Amino acid sequence: MTRTYPSQFTAADREREIVTARTALLSIDMQNAEWSPEAIAAGREPGSPTAHHLEFMTRIEEVLLPSQAKLQDAARAAGIEVIFTTIEALTQDGRDISLDHKISNLFFPKGSWGAQVIKEVGPKGDEIIIPKTSSGIFNSTNLDYVLRNLGIEHLIMYGVCTDQCVEGSIRDAADRGYYVTQVEDCCATHSEANHINSIRAMDGHFARVRSTEQMIEEFERLR
């Protein structure tokens, strides 16, 4: 089927390179509640409460943490804003969180350890952290307002879980008029099949997909 596009835009625009001065990295839900040295050590013990999350936590430890650290350092060197979001209530009793998070028991009180960004891939200096109480970050925060104030047009997005908060945030970002890049080896979810299916659903439709190395090469080329 032949498709026409308004104005000067075509499907190829999905693949356009970033403009570093108008780009931000967005780390989604890389928080202590998803991974910690203690949790993964416990998960290796048969019958432990976290044993069923072992594959997920192992990918975080072996793939995401080193990849995200490299990506973030390269972005900082290129002058790109690095922003973080975590699931964190505005209150101690969770009365403000969404109905979905109440049903799903996704509750981390304000200021709690579980809501803090994993230190290995955490903020440096005055980098922005925005707490959220919904799966998609745009639905429960002022992120769009902050990004507009920063002059951001391109978002590089990654984190956990691929098929949940990351995918929902990518869809919302595309709907709000941002050019989105998803970094595949900086994302994880609880099933490899779900991860792959989600990446495929985003690629070429709501985002372009790159690896950490491809993204860093782009940073360096544009510097």
N, C-alpha and C. Protein backbone atom coordinates (compact mmCIF):
# COMPACT_ATOMS: atom_id res chain seq x y z
N MET A 1 0.84 -1.19 0.00
CA MET A 1 0.00 0.00 0.00
C MET A 1 0.88 1.25 0.00
N THR A 2 0.59 2.18 -0.88
CA THR A 2 1.34 3.43 -0.95
C THR A 2 0.90 4.37 0.15
N ARG A 3 1.88 4.94 0.83
CA ARG A 3 1.57 5.87 1.91
C ARG A 3 2.10 7.26 1.55
N THR A 4 1.37 8.25 1.92
CA THR A 4 1.83 9.62 1.75
C THR A 4 2.05 10.25 3.11
N TYR A 5 2.95 11.20 3.18
CA TYR A 5 3.30 11.84 4.43
C TYR A 5 3.10 13.34 4.32
N PRO A 6 2.68 13.97 5.40
CA PRO A 6 2.50 15.42 5.35
C PRO A 6 3.84 16.14 5.28
N SER A 7 3.83 17.30 4.65
CA SER A 7 5.00 18.16 4.61
C SER A 7 6.21 17.40 4.10
N GLN A 8 7.37 17.59 4.76
CA GLN A 8 8.61 17.03 4.26
C GLN A 8 8.96 15.69 4.88
N PHE A 9 8.12 15.14 5.75
CA PHE A 9 8.49 13.95 6.51
C PHE A 9 8.23 12.65 5.74
N THR A 10 9.13 11.69 5.96
CA THR A 10 8.97 10.34 5.41
C THR A 10 9.32 9.35 6.51
N ALA A 11 9.13 8.07 6.23
CA ALA A 11 9.46 7.03 7.21
C ALA A 11 10.94 7.06 7.57
N ALA A 12 11.77 7.56 6.67
CA ALA A 12 13.22 7.62 6.92
C ALA A 12 13.56 8.56 8.07
N ASP A 13 12.67 9.49 8.40
CA ASP A 13 12.94 10.42 9.48
C ASP A 13 13.05 9.72 10.84
N ARG A 14 12.48 8.55 10.94
CA ARG A 14 12.61 7.79 12.19
C ARG A 14 14.07 7.47 12.49
N GLU A 15 14.89 7.37 11.44
CA GLU A 15 16.28 6.96 11.59
C GLU A 15 17.25 8.13 11.66
N ARG A 16 16.74 9.34 11.74
CA ARG A 16 17.66 10.49 11.73
C ARG A 16 18.55 10.50 12.95
N GLU A 17 19.78 10.97 12.76
CA GLU A 17 20.73 11.05 13.86
C GLU A 17 20.30 12.11 14.86
N ILE A 18 20.81 11.96 16.07
CA ILE A 18 20.52 12.93 17.12
C ILE A 18 21.22 14.26 16.84
N VAL A 19 20.78 15.28 17.50
CA VAL A 19 21.49 16.56 17.62
C VAL A 19 21.89 16.65 19.08
N THR A 20 23.19 16.57 19.35
CA THR A 20 23.63 16.40 20.74
C THR A 20 23.10 17.50 21.67
N ALA A 21 23.05 18.73 21.20
CA ALA A 21 22.58 19.83 22.05
C ALA A 21 21.09 19.74 22.35
N ARG A 22 20.39 18.91 21.61
CA ARG A 22 18.94 18.76 21.80
C ARG A 22 18.56 17.33 22.16
N THR A 23 19.48 16.64 22.84
CA THR A 23 19.29 15.22 23.17
C THR A 23 19.42 15.00 24.66
N ALA A 24 18.61 14.08 25.18
CA ALA A 24 18.74 13.63 26.57
C ALA A 24 18.69 12.12 26.63
N LEU A 25 19.49 11.55 27.52
CA LEU A 25 19.33 10.15 27.89
C LEU A 25 18.26 10.07 28.95
N LEU A 26 17.42 9.03 28.89
CA LEU A 26 16.41 8.82 29.92
C LEU A 26 16.51 7.39 30.43
N SER A 27 16.99 7.26 31.66
CA SER A 27 17.12 5.97 32.33
C SER A 27 15.83 5.69 33.09
N ILE A 28 15.21 4.55 32.80
CA ILE A 28 13.89 4.23 33.33
C ILE A 28 13.95 3.12 34.38
N ASP A 29 13.65 3.46 35.62
CA ASP A 29 13.42 2.52 36.71
C ASP A 29 14.61 1.62 37.04
N MET A 30 15.82 2.12 36.83
CA MET A 30 17.02 1.38 37.25
C MET A 30 17.25 1.65 38.73
N GLN A 31 16.47 0.99 39.56
CA GLN A 31 16.45 1.30 40.99
C GLN A 31 16.75 0.05 41.81
N ASN A 32 17.08 0.29 43.07
CA ASN A 32 17.49 -0.80 43.96
C ASN A 32 16.45 -1.90 44.06
N ALA A 33 15.19 -1.56 43.91
CA ALA A 33 14.13 -2.57 44.01
C ALA A 33 14.23 -3.61 42.90
N GLU A 34 14.88 -3.27 41.78
CA GLU A 34 15.01 -4.20 40.65
C GLU A 34 16.27 -5.05 40.73
N TRP A 35 17.32 -4.51 41.32
CA TRP A 35 18.59 -5.25 41.43
C TRP A 35 19.42 -4.68 42.55
N SER A 36 20.08 -5.56 43.26
CA SER A 36 21.10 -5.17 44.23
C SER A 36 22.01 -6.38 44.40
N PRO A 37 23.25 -6.20 44.86
CA PRO A 37 24.12 -7.35 45.10
C PRO A 37 23.50 -8.36 46.05
N GLU A 38 22.79 -7.86 47.04
CA GLU A 38 22.16 -8.76 48.02
C GLU A 38 21.03 -9.56 47.39
N ALA A 39 20.23 -8.90 46.54
CA ALA A 39 19.09 -9.58 45.91
C ALA A 39 19.54 -10.68 44.96
N ILE A 40 20.57 -10.41 44.17
CA ILE A 40 21.00 -11.42 43.21
C ILE A 40 21.72 -12.57 43.94
N ALA A 41 22.41 -12.26 45.00
CA ALA A 41 23.03 -13.33 45.79
C ALA A 41 21.96 -14.24 46.40
N ALA A 42 20.90 -13.63 46.91
CA ALA A 42 19.79 -14.42 47.46
C ALA A 42 19.10 -15.21 46.37
N GLY A 43 18.98 -14.63 45.17
CA GLY A 43 18.31 -15.30 44.07
C GLY A 43 19.00 -16.56 43.61
N ARG A 44 20.28 -16.67 43.90
CA ARG A 44 21.04 -17.87 43.52
C ARG A 44 20.80 -19.03 44.48
N GLU A 45 20.11 -18.74 45.57
CA GLU A 45 19.77 -19.80 46.53
C GLU A 45 18.44 -20.43 46.15
N PRO A 46 18.39 -21.74 45.88
CA PRO A 46 17.13 -22.39 45.50
C PRO A 46 16.03 -22.15 46.53
N GLY A 47 14.86 -21.81 46.04
CA GLY A 47 13.71 -21.60 46.91
C GLY A 47 13.63 -20.23 47.54
N SER A 48 14.57 -19.36 47.23
CA SER A 48 14.52 -18.02 47.81
C SER A 48 13.41 -17.20 47.15
N PRO A 49 12.93 -16.15 47.83
CA PRO A 49 11.84 -15.33 47.27
C PRO A 49 12.21 -14.66 45.94
N THR A 50 13.51 -14.47 45.68
CA THR A 50 13.92 -13.80 44.44
C THR A 50 14.49 -14.76 43.39
N ALA A 51 14.40 -16.06 43.65
CA ALA A 51 14.99 -17.04 42.71
C ALA A 51 14.35 -16.95 41.33
N HIS A 52 13.04 -16.67 41.28
CA HIS A 52 12.37 -16.62 39.97
C HIS A 52 12.73 -15.37 39.18
N HIS A 53 13.45 -14.43 39.80
CA HIS A 53 13.91 -13.23 39.10
C HIS A 53 15.39 -13.33 38.71
N LEU A 54 15.99 -14.50 38.90
CA LEU A 54 17.44 -14.62 38.73
C LEU A 54 17.89 -14.28 37.32
N GLU A 55 17.19 -14.78 36.31
CA GLU A 55 17.59 -14.51 34.93
C GLU A 55 17.54 -13.00 34.64
N PHE A 56 16.50 -12.37 35.11
CA PHE A 56 16.33 -10.93 34.94
C PHE A 56 17.45 -10.17 35.64
N MET A 57 17.72 -10.51 36.89
CA MET A 57 18.75 -9.80 37.64
C MET A 57 20.14 -10.07 37.07
N THR A 58 20.35 -11.28 36.54
CA THR A 58 21.64 -11.60 35.94
C THR A 58 21.89 -10.75 34.70
N ARG A 59 20.85 -10.55 33.87
CA ARG A 59 21.02 -9.68 32.70
C ARG A 59 21.31 -8.25 33.14
N ILE A 60 20.63 -7.79 34.18
CA ILE A 60 20.93 -6.45 34.69
C ILE A 60 22.40 -6.36 35.09
N GLU A 61 22.87 -7.33 35.85
CA GLU A 61 24.24 -7.29 36.37
C GLU A 61 25.29 -7.43 35.27
N GLU A 62 25.09 -8.37 34.37
CA GLU A 62 26.13 -8.71 33.39
C GLU A 62 26.06 -7.88 32.11
N VAL A 63 24.87 -7.39 31.76
CA VAL A 63 24.71 -6.67 30.49
C VAL A 63 24.35 -5.20 30.73
N LEU A 64 23.29 -4.95 31.48
CA LEU A 64 22.80 -3.58 31.60
C LEU A 64 23.74 -2.66 32.36
N LEU A 65 24.23 -3.09 33.50
CA LEU A 65 25.06 -2.18 34.30
C LEU A 65 26.31 -1.72 33.55
N PRO A 66 27.08 -2.62 32.95
CA PRO A 66 28.25 -2.13 32.20
C PRO A 66 27.89 -1.33 30.96
N SER A 67 26.84 -1.75 30.26
CA SER A 67 26.44 -1.02 29.04
C SER A 67 25.93 0.37 29.37
N GLN A 68 25.08 0.47 30.39
CA GLN A 68 24.54 1.77 30.76
C GLN A 68 25.62 2.71 31.28
N ALA A 69 26.56 2.18 32.06
CA ALA A 69 27.64 3.02 32.57
C ALA A 69 28.46 3.60 31.43
N LYS A 70 28.77 2.79 30.43
CA LYS A 70 29.52 3.27 29.26
C LYS A 70 28.72 4.31 28.49
N LEU A 71 27.43 4.03 28.29
CA LEU A 71 26.58 4.94 27.54
C LEU A 71 26.48 6.29 28.25
N GLN A 72 26.26 6.26 29.54
CA GLN A 72 26.10 7.50 30.30
C GLN A 72 27.39 8.32 30.30
N ASP A 73 28.53 7.66 30.48
CA ASP A 73 29.79 8.39 30.49
C ASP A 73 30.05 9.03 29.12
N ALA A 74 29.75 8.29 28.06
CA ALA A 74 29.94 8.83 26.71
C ALA A 74 29.00 10.00 26.45
N ALA A 75 27.79 9.91 26.94
CA ALA A 75 26.83 11.00 26.77
C ALA A 75 27.29 12.24 27.51
N ARG A 76 27.75 12.06 28.73
CA ARG A 76 28.24 13.21 29.51
C ARG A 76 29.41 13.87 28.79
N ALA A 77 30.31 13.07 28.24
CA ALA A 77 31.47 13.61 27.53
C ALA A 77 31.04 14.40 26.29
N ALA A 78 29.89 14.02 25.71
CA ALA A 78 29.37 14.70 24.52
C ALA A 78 28.48 15.88 24.87
N GLY A 79 28.29 16.14 26.17
CA GLY A 79 27.45 17.26 26.58
C GLY A 79 25.97 16.98 26.53
N ILE A 80 25.60 15.70 26.59
CA ILE A 80 24.19 15.29 26.53
C ILE A 80 23.63 15.16 27.95
N GLU A 81 22.45 15.69 28.14
CA GLU A 81 21.77 15.62 29.45
C GLU A 81 21.43 14.18 29.79
N VAL A 82 21.66 13.78 31.05
CA VAL A 82 21.30 12.44 31.53
C VAL A 82 20.23 12.61 32.61
N ILE A 83 19.08 11.98 32.40
CA ILE A 83 17.93 12.11 33.29
C ILE A 83 17.51 10.73 33.78
N PHE A 84 17.02 10.66 35.00
CA PHE A 84 16.64 9.39 35.62
C PHE A 84 15.20 9.45 36.11
N THR A 85 14.52 8.32 36.02
CA THR A 85 13.22 8.19 36.65
C THR A 85 13.17 6.89 37.43
N THR A 86 12.47 6.92 38.54
CA THR A 86 12.23 5.71 39.33
C THR A 86 10.77 5.69 39.78
N ILE A 87 10.30 4.51 40.09
CA ILE A 87 8.98 4.38 40.69
C ILE A 87 9.10 4.75 42.17
N GLU A 88 8.44 5.83 42.55
CA GLU A 88 8.53 6.31 43.94
C GLU A 88 7.29 7.12 44.26
N ALA A 89 6.62 6.76 45.33
CA ALA A 89 5.43 7.50 45.76
C ALA A 89 5.81 8.87 46.29
N LEU A 90 4.85 9.77 46.28
CA LEU A 90 5.05 11.09 46.88
C LEU A 90 4.79 11.07 48.37
N THR A 91 4.32 9.93 48.86
CA THR A 91 3.91 9.80 50.26
C THR A 91 4.51 8.54 50.87
N GLN A 92 4.36 8.39 52.16
CA GLN A 92 4.83 7.20 52.86
C GLN A 92 3.83 6.04 52.79
N ASP A 93 2.55 6.35 52.65
CA ASP A 93 1.54 5.28 52.64
C ASP A 93 1.04 4.93 51.24
N GLY A 94 1.53 5.64 50.21
CA GLY A 94 1.17 5.30 48.84
C GLY A 94 -0.21 5.73 48.41
N ARG A 95 -0.82 6.61 49.12
CA ARG A 95 -2.18 7.01 48.77
C ARG A 95 -2.25 7.74 47.43
N ASP A 96 -1.10 8.25 46.96
CA ASP A 96 -1.08 9.01 45.71
C ASP A 96 -0.80 8.18 44.47
N ILE A 97 -0.44 6.90 44.62
CA ILE A 97 -0.01 6.13 43.45
C ILE A 97 -1.21 5.69 42.62
N SER A 98 -0.94 5.30 41.38
CA SER A 98 -2.01 4.97 40.44
C SER A 98 -2.76 3.70 40.85
N LEU A 99 -3.97 3.56 40.34
CA LEU A 99 -4.75 2.35 40.59
C LEU A 99 -4.01 1.12 40.10
N ASP A 100 -3.40 1.21 38.92
CA ASP A 100 -2.67 0.06 38.39
C ASP A 100 -1.52 -0.35 39.30
N HIS A 101 -0.79 0.63 39.83
CA HIS A 101 0.32 0.31 40.72
C HIS A 101 -0.18 -0.23 42.06
N LYS A 102 -1.33 0.23 42.51
CA LYS A 102 -1.89 -0.34 43.73
C LYS A 102 -2.27 -1.80 43.51
N ILE A 103 -2.91 -2.09 42.39
CA ILE A 103 -3.30 -3.47 42.09
C ILE A 103 -2.06 -4.34 41.89
N SER A 104 -1.03 -3.78 41.25
CA SER A 104 0.19 -4.54 40.96
C SER A 104 1.17 -4.56 42.12
N ASN A 105 0.84 -3.86 43.21
CA ASN A 105 1.71 -3.76 44.38
C ASN A 105 3.07 -3.17 44.02
N LEU A 106 3.07 -2.18 43.14
CA LEU A 106 4.28 -1.44 42.80
C LEU A 106 4.33 -0.19 43.67
N PHE A 107 4.82 -0.35 44.85
CA PHE A 107 4.81 0.74 45.82
C PHE A 107 6.16 0.83 46.51
N PHE A 108 6.81 1.98 46.33
CA PHE A 108 8.06 2.28 47.01
C PHE A 108 7.90 3.66 47.64
N PRO A 109 7.87 3.73 48.97
CA PRO A 109 7.59 4.99 49.66
C PRO A 109 8.61 6.08 49.32
N LYS A 110 8.18 7.30 49.48
CA LYS A 110 9.05 8.46 49.26
C LYS A 110 10.32 8.32 50.10
N GLY A 111 11.48 8.45 49.43
CA GLY A 111 12.76 8.39 50.12
C GLY A 111 13.25 7.01 50.47
N SER A 112 12.55 5.97 50.05
CA SER A 112 12.93 4.61 50.44
C SER A 112 14.15 4.11 49.66
N TRP A 113 14.81 3.12 50.22
CA TRP A 113 15.99 2.52 49.57
C TRP A 113 15.63 1.94 48.21
N GLY A 114 14.47 1.27 48.13
CA GLY A 114 14.07 0.63 46.88
C GLY A 114 13.83 1.59 45.75
N ALA A 115 13.54 2.85 46.07
CA ALA A 115 13.26 3.86 45.05
C ALA A 115 14.52 4.56 44.55
N GLN A 116 15.66 4.30 45.18
CA GLN A 116 16.88 4.99 44.80
C GLN A 116 17.51 4.36 43.55
N VAL A 117 18.14 5.19 42.72
CA VAL A 117 18.80 4.70 41.51
C VAL A 117 20.00 3.83 41.91
N ILE A 118 20.18 2.71 41.22
CA ILE A 118 21.33 1.84 41.45
C ILE A 118 22.61 2.66 41.29
N LYS A 119 23.46 2.63 42.28
CA LYS A 119 24.60 3.56 42.30
C LYS A 119 25.55 3.36 41.13
N GLU A 120 25.68 2.13 40.65
CA GLU A 120 26.59 1.88 39.53
C GLU A 120 26.20 2.61 38.25
N VAL A 121 24.93 2.96 38.14
CA VAL A 121 24.45 3.67 36.94
C VAL A 121 23.63 4.89 37.36
N GLY A 122 24.01 5.48 38.47
CA GLY A 122 23.24 6.58 39.03
C GLY A 122 23.70 7.94 38.55
N PRO A 123 23.01 8.98 39.02
CA PRO A 123 23.30 10.36 38.59
C PRO A 123 24.62 10.87 39.14
N LYS A 124 25.17 11.83 38.43
CA LYS A 124 26.36 12.53 38.87
C LYS A 124 26.06 14.03 38.89
N GLY A 125 26.62 14.70 39.89
CA GLY A 125 26.37 16.14 40.01
C GLY A 125 24.89 16.42 40.23
N ASP A 126 24.36 17.38 39.48
CA ASP A 126 22.97 17.77 39.67
C ASP A 126 22.05 17.18 38.59
N GLU A 127 22.40 16.01 38.06
CA GLU A 127 21.54 15.38 37.06
C GLU A 127 20.16 15.11 37.64
N ILE A 128 19.17 15.23 36.80
CA ILE A 128 17.77 15.25 37.23
C ILE A 128 17.25 13.84 37.50
N ILE A 129 16.55 13.69 38.63
CA ILE A 129 15.83 12.46 38.96
C ILE A 129 14.36 12.83 39.12
N ILE A 130 13.50 12.13 38.41
CA ILE A 130 12.06 12.41 38.47
C ILE A 130 11.32 11.16 38.95
N PRO A 131 10.67 11.21 40.11
CA PRO A 131 9.88 10.06 40.57
C PRO A 131 8.57 9.96 39.81
N LYS A 132 8.10 8.74 39.63
CA LYS A 132 6.82 8.55 38.93
C LYS A 132 5.98 7.51 39.66
N THR A 133 4.67 7.58 39.42
CA THR A 133 3.74 6.64 40.04
C THR A 133 2.84 6.02 38.98
N SER A 134 3.35 5.94 37.77
CA SER A 134 2.66 5.26 36.67
C SER A 134 3.72 4.53 35.86
N SER A 135 3.29 3.65 34.97
CA SER A 135 4.26 2.93 34.14
C SER A 135 4.93 3.87 33.15
N GLY A 136 4.14 4.61 32.38
CA GLY A 136 4.69 5.60 31.47
C GLY A 136 5.02 6.87 32.22
N ILE A 137 6.24 7.35 32.08
CA ILE A 137 6.68 8.49 32.89
C ILE A 137 5.91 9.76 32.57
N PHE A 138 5.45 9.93 31.33
CA PHE A 138 4.77 11.17 30.98
C PHE A 138 3.40 11.30 31.66
N ASN A 139 2.84 10.20 32.12
CA ASN A 139 1.48 10.22 32.67
C ASN A 139 1.40 10.74 34.10
N SER A 140 2.50 10.73 34.82
CA SER A 140 2.41 11.12 36.24
C SER A 140 3.52 12.08 36.66
N THR A 141 4.16 12.74 35.69
CA THR A 141 5.24 13.66 36.02
C THR A 141 5.17 14.91 35.13
N ASN A 142 6.06 15.84 35.39
CA ASN A 142 6.20 17.04 34.56
C ASN A 142 7.36 16.88 33.57
N LEU A 143 7.71 15.65 33.21
CA LEU A 143 8.87 15.42 32.36
C LEU A 143 8.77 16.18 31.05
N ASP A 144 7.62 16.17 30.40
CA ASP A 144 7.49 16.86 29.12
C ASP A 144 7.82 18.34 29.27
N TYR A 145 7.33 18.96 30.32
CA TYR A 145 7.61 20.37 30.61
C TYR A 145 9.12 20.59 30.80
N VAL A 146 9.76 19.69 31.55
CA VAL A 146 11.20 19.81 31.80
C VAL A 146 11.98 19.67 30.49
N LEU A 147 11.62 18.68 29.69
CA LEU A 147 12.32 18.47 28.42
C LEU A 147 12.17 19.67 27.49
N ARG A 148 10.97 20.23 27.43
CA ARG A 148 10.77 21.42 26.59
C ARG A 148 11.62 22.58 27.09
N ASN A 149 11.71 22.75 28.40
CA ASN A 149 12.55 23.81 28.97
C ASN A 149 14.02 23.61 28.61
N LEU A 150 14.44 22.36 28.52
CA LEU A 150 15.83 22.04 28.19
C LEU A 150 16.09 22.08 26.69
N GLY A 151 15.05 22.26 25.90
CA GLY A 151 15.21 22.30 24.46
C GLY A 151 15.44 20.94 23.83
N ILE A 152 14.91 19.88 24.47
CA ILE A 152 15.15 18.51 24.01
C ILE A 152 14.17 18.12 22.91
N GLU A 153 14.72 17.52 21.85
CA GLU A 153 13.92 16.97 20.76
C GLU A 153 14.16 15.47 20.58
N HIS A 154 15.33 15.00 20.99
CA HIS A 154 15.71 13.59 20.83
C HIS A 154 15.84 12.94 22.21
N LEU A 155 15.23 11.78 22.38
CA LEU A 155 15.33 11.02 23.62
C LEU A 155 15.97 9.67 23.35
N ILE A 156 16.98 9.34 24.13
CA ILE A 156 17.60 8.02 24.09
C ILE A 156 17.14 7.30 25.35
N MET A 157 16.35 6.24 25.18
CA MET A 157 15.64 5.64 26.30
C MET A 157 16.06 4.19 26.53
N TYR A 158 16.08 3.81 27.81
CA TYR A 158 16.53 2.46 28.17
C TYR A 158 16.17 2.20 29.63
N GLY A 159 16.25 0.93 30.04
CA GLY A 159 15.99 0.59 31.42
C GLY A 159 15.14 -0.65 31.55
N VAL A 160 14.30 -0.70 32.58
CA VAL A 160 13.46 -1.86 32.85
C VAL A 160 12.03 -1.38 33.18
N CYS A 161 11.10 -2.24 32.87
CA CYS A 161 11.22 -3.47 32.08
C CYS A 161 10.93 -3.14 30.62
N THR A 162 11.60 -3.82 29.72
CA THR A 162 11.52 -3.52 28.29
C THR A 162 10.08 -3.40 27.81
N ASP A 163 9.27 -4.41 28.15
CA ASP A 163 7.91 -4.51 27.61
C ASP A 163 6.87 -3.82 28.48
N GLN A 164 7.31 -3.13 29.51
CA GLN A 164 6.37 -2.48 30.41
C GLN A 164 6.65 -0.97 30.46
N CYS A 165 7.38 -0.52 31.47
CA CYS A 165 7.59 0.92 31.62
C CYS A 165 8.40 1.53 30.48
N VAL A 166 9.38 0.79 29.96
CA VAL A 166 10.18 1.32 28.85
C VAL A 166 9.32 1.47 27.61
N GLU A 167 8.62 0.41 27.24
CA GLU A 167 7.79 0.47 26.04
C GLU A 167 6.71 1.53 26.17
N GLY A 168 6.05 1.58 27.31
CA GLY A 168 5.00 2.57 27.50
C GLY A 168 5.52 4.00 27.38
N SER A 169 6.71 4.23 27.93
CA SER A 169 7.30 5.57 27.87
C SER A 169 7.74 5.92 26.46
N ILE A 170 8.23 4.95 25.72
CA ILE A 170 8.63 5.19 24.33
C ILE A 170 7.41 5.57 23.49
N ARG A 171 6.34 4.82 23.64
CA ARG A 171 5.12 5.13 22.88
C ARG A 171 4.64 6.55 23.20
N ASP A 172 4.64 6.90 24.48
CA ASP A 172 4.18 8.23 24.88
C ASP A 172 5.10 9.32 24.35
N ALA A 173 6.41 9.07 24.38
CA ALA A 173 7.37 10.06 23.88
C ALA A 173 7.16 10.30 22.39
N ALA A 174 6.95 9.23 21.63
CA ALA A 174 6.71 9.38 20.19
C ALA A 174 5.43 10.17 19.94
N ASP A 175 4.40 9.89 20.72
CA ASP A 175 3.14 10.62 20.56
C ASP A 175 3.29 12.11 20.88
N ARG A 176 4.25 12.44 21.74
CA ARG A 176 4.45 13.84 22.12
C ARG A 176 5.44 14.57 21.19
N GLY A 177 5.91 13.88 20.17
CA GLY A 177 6.71 14.56 19.17
C GLY A 177 8.21 14.50 19.37
N TYR A 178 8.70 13.54 20.15
CA TYR A 178 10.13 13.36 20.30
C TYR A 178 10.64 12.30 19.32
N TYR A 179 11.87 12.50 18.84
CA TYR A 179 12.56 11.45 18.11
C TYR A 179 13.17 10.52 19.15
N VAL A 180 12.84 9.23 19.08
CA VAL A 180 13.24 8.31 20.14
C VAL A 180 14.22 7.27 19.62
N THR A 181 15.26 7.02 20.41
CA THR A 181 16.18 5.90 20.19
C THR A 181 16.09 4.99 21.40
N GLN A 182 15.92 3.71 21.18
CA GLN A 182 15.94 2.72 22.26
C GLN A 182 17.26 1.95 22.19
N VAL A 183 17.94 1.83 23.32
CA VAL A 183 19.21 1.11 23.37
C VAL A 183 18.94 -0.30 23.87
N GLU A 184 19.01 -1.27 22.96
CA GLU A 184 18.53 -2.63 23.23
C GLU A 184 19.29 -3.30 24.36
N ASP A 185 20.62 -3.21 24.36
CA ASP A 185 21.40 -3.91 25.38
C ASP A 185 21.50 -3.13 26.69
N CYS A 186 20.70 -2.08 26.80
CA CYS A 186 20.54 -1.38 28.07
C CYS A 186 19.14 -1.61 28.64
N CYS A 187 18.41 -2.58 28.07
CA CYS A 187 17.05 -2.90 28.51
C CYS A 187 16.95 -4.36 28.92
N ALA A 188 16.00 -4.65 29.80
CA ALA A 188 15.76 -6.04 30.23
C ALA A 188 14.34 -6.18 30.71
N THR A 189 13.82 -7.41 30.61
CA THR A 189 12.56 -7.76 31.24
C THR A 189 12.64 -9.21 31.71
N HIS A 190 11.55 -9.74 32.22
CA HIS A 190 11.59 -11.04 32.89
C HIS A 190 11.53 -12.23 31.94
N SER A 191 11.35 -11.98 30.65
CA SER A 191 11.31 -13.04 29.65
C SER A 191 12.06 -12.59 28.41
N GLU A 192 12.98 -13.42 27.93
CA GLU A 192 13.71 -13.06 26.72
C GLU A 192 12.77 -12.86 25.54
N ALA A 193 11.75 -13.72 25.44
CA ALA A 193 10.79 -13.59 24.34
C ALA A 193 10.06 -12.27 24.41
N ASN A 194 9.64 -11.86 25.61
CA ASN A 194 8.95 -10.58 25.75
C ASN A 194 9.86 -9.41 25.42
N HIS A 195 11.13 -9.53 25.80
CA HIS A 195 12.11 -8.49 25.47
C HIS A 195 12.24 -8.34 23.96
N ILE A 196 12.44 -9.45 23.28
CA ILE A 196 12.62 -9.42 21.82
C ILE A 196 11.38 -8.90 21.13
N ASN A 197 10.22 -9.37 21.54
CA ASN A 197 8.96 -8.93 20.91
C ASN A 197 8.74 -7.43 21.10
N SER A 198 9.07 -6.93 22.27
CA SER A 198 8.89 -5.51 22.53
C SER A 198 9.84 -4.66 21.69
N ILE A 199 11.09 -5.09 21.62
CA ILE A 199 12.07 -4.37 20.80
C ILE A 199 11.60 -4.32 19.35
N ARG A 200 11.12 -5.44 18.84
CA ARG A 200 10.64 -5.50 17.46
C ARG A 200 9.44 -4.59 17.25
N ALA A 201 8.57 -4.51 18.24
CA ALA A 201 7.38 -3.66 18.12
C ALA A 201 7.74 -2.18 18.08
N MET A 202 8.81 -1.79 18.79
CA MET A 202 9.22 -0.39 18.82
C MET A 202 10.02 -0.01 17.58
N ASP A 203 10.86 -0.90 17.11
CA ASP A 203 11.83 -0.60 16.06
C ASP A 203 11.15 -0.20 14.75
N GLY A 204 11.40 1.03 14.33
CA GLY A 204 10.85 1.51 13.07
C GLY A 204 9.43 2.02 13.15
N HIS A 205 8.79 1.86 14.32
CA HIS A 205 7.41 2.32 14.50
C HIS A 205 7.33 3.49 15.47
N PHE A 206 7.92 3.31 16.64
CA PHE A 206 7.92 4.38 17.64
C PHE A 206 9.33 4.87 17.94
N ALA A 207 10.32 4.11 17.53
CA ALA A 207 11.71 4.44 17.83
C ALA A 207 12.63 3.79 16.80
N ARG A 208 13.86 4.23 16.80
CA ARG A 208 14.92 3.47 16.14
C ARG A 208 15.66 2.73 17.24
N VAL A 209 16.21 1.58 16.94
CA VAL A 209 16.88 0.75 17.94
C VAL A 209 18.37 0.70 17.63
N ARG A 210 19.18 0.90 18.66
CA ARG A 210 20.63 0.85 18.53
C ARG A 210 21.22 0.05 19.69
N SER A 211 22.45 -0.40 19.51
CA SER A 211 23.22 -0.98 20.60
C SER A 211 24.00 0.13 21.31
N THR A 212 24.55 -0.19 22.46
CA THR A 212 25.38 0.79 23.18
C THR A 212 26.53 1.26 22.31
N GLU A 213 27.22 0.32 21.68
CA GLU A 213 28.38 0.68 20.86
C GLU A 213 27.98 1.56 19.69
N GLN A 214 26.86 1.25 19.05
CA GLN A 214 26.40 2.08 17.93
C GLN A 214 26.07 3.49 18.40
N MET A 215 25.48 3.60 19.58
CA MET A 215 25.11 4.92 20.10
C MET A 215 26.35 5.72 20.44
N ILE A 216 27.34 5.09 21.05
CA ILE A 216 28.58 5.78 21.41
C ILE A 216 29.32 6.23 20.15
N GLU A 217 29.32 5.39 19.12
CA GLU A 217 29.94 5.76 17.85
C GLU A 217 29.26 7.01 17.27
N GLU A 218 27.94 7.08 17.42
CA GLU A 218 27.22 8.26 16.93
C GLU A 218 27.62 9.50 17.73
N PHE A 219 27.72 9.37 19.04
CA PHE A 219 28.17 10.50 19.86
C PHE A 219 29.51 11.01 19.36
N GLU A 220 30.45 10.08 19.17
CA GLU A 220 31.80 10.46 18.80
C GLU A 220 31.84 11.07 17.41
N ARG A 221 31.06 10.55 16.51
CA ARG A 221 31.02 11.08 15.15
C ARG A 221 30.48 12.51 15.14
N LEU A 222 29.48 12.77 15.97
CA LEU A 222 28.84 14.08 15.99
C LEU A 222 29.64 15.11 16.78
N ARG A 223 30.59 14.67 17.61
CA ARG A 223 31.44 15.60 18.35
C ARG A 223 32.43 16.26 17.42
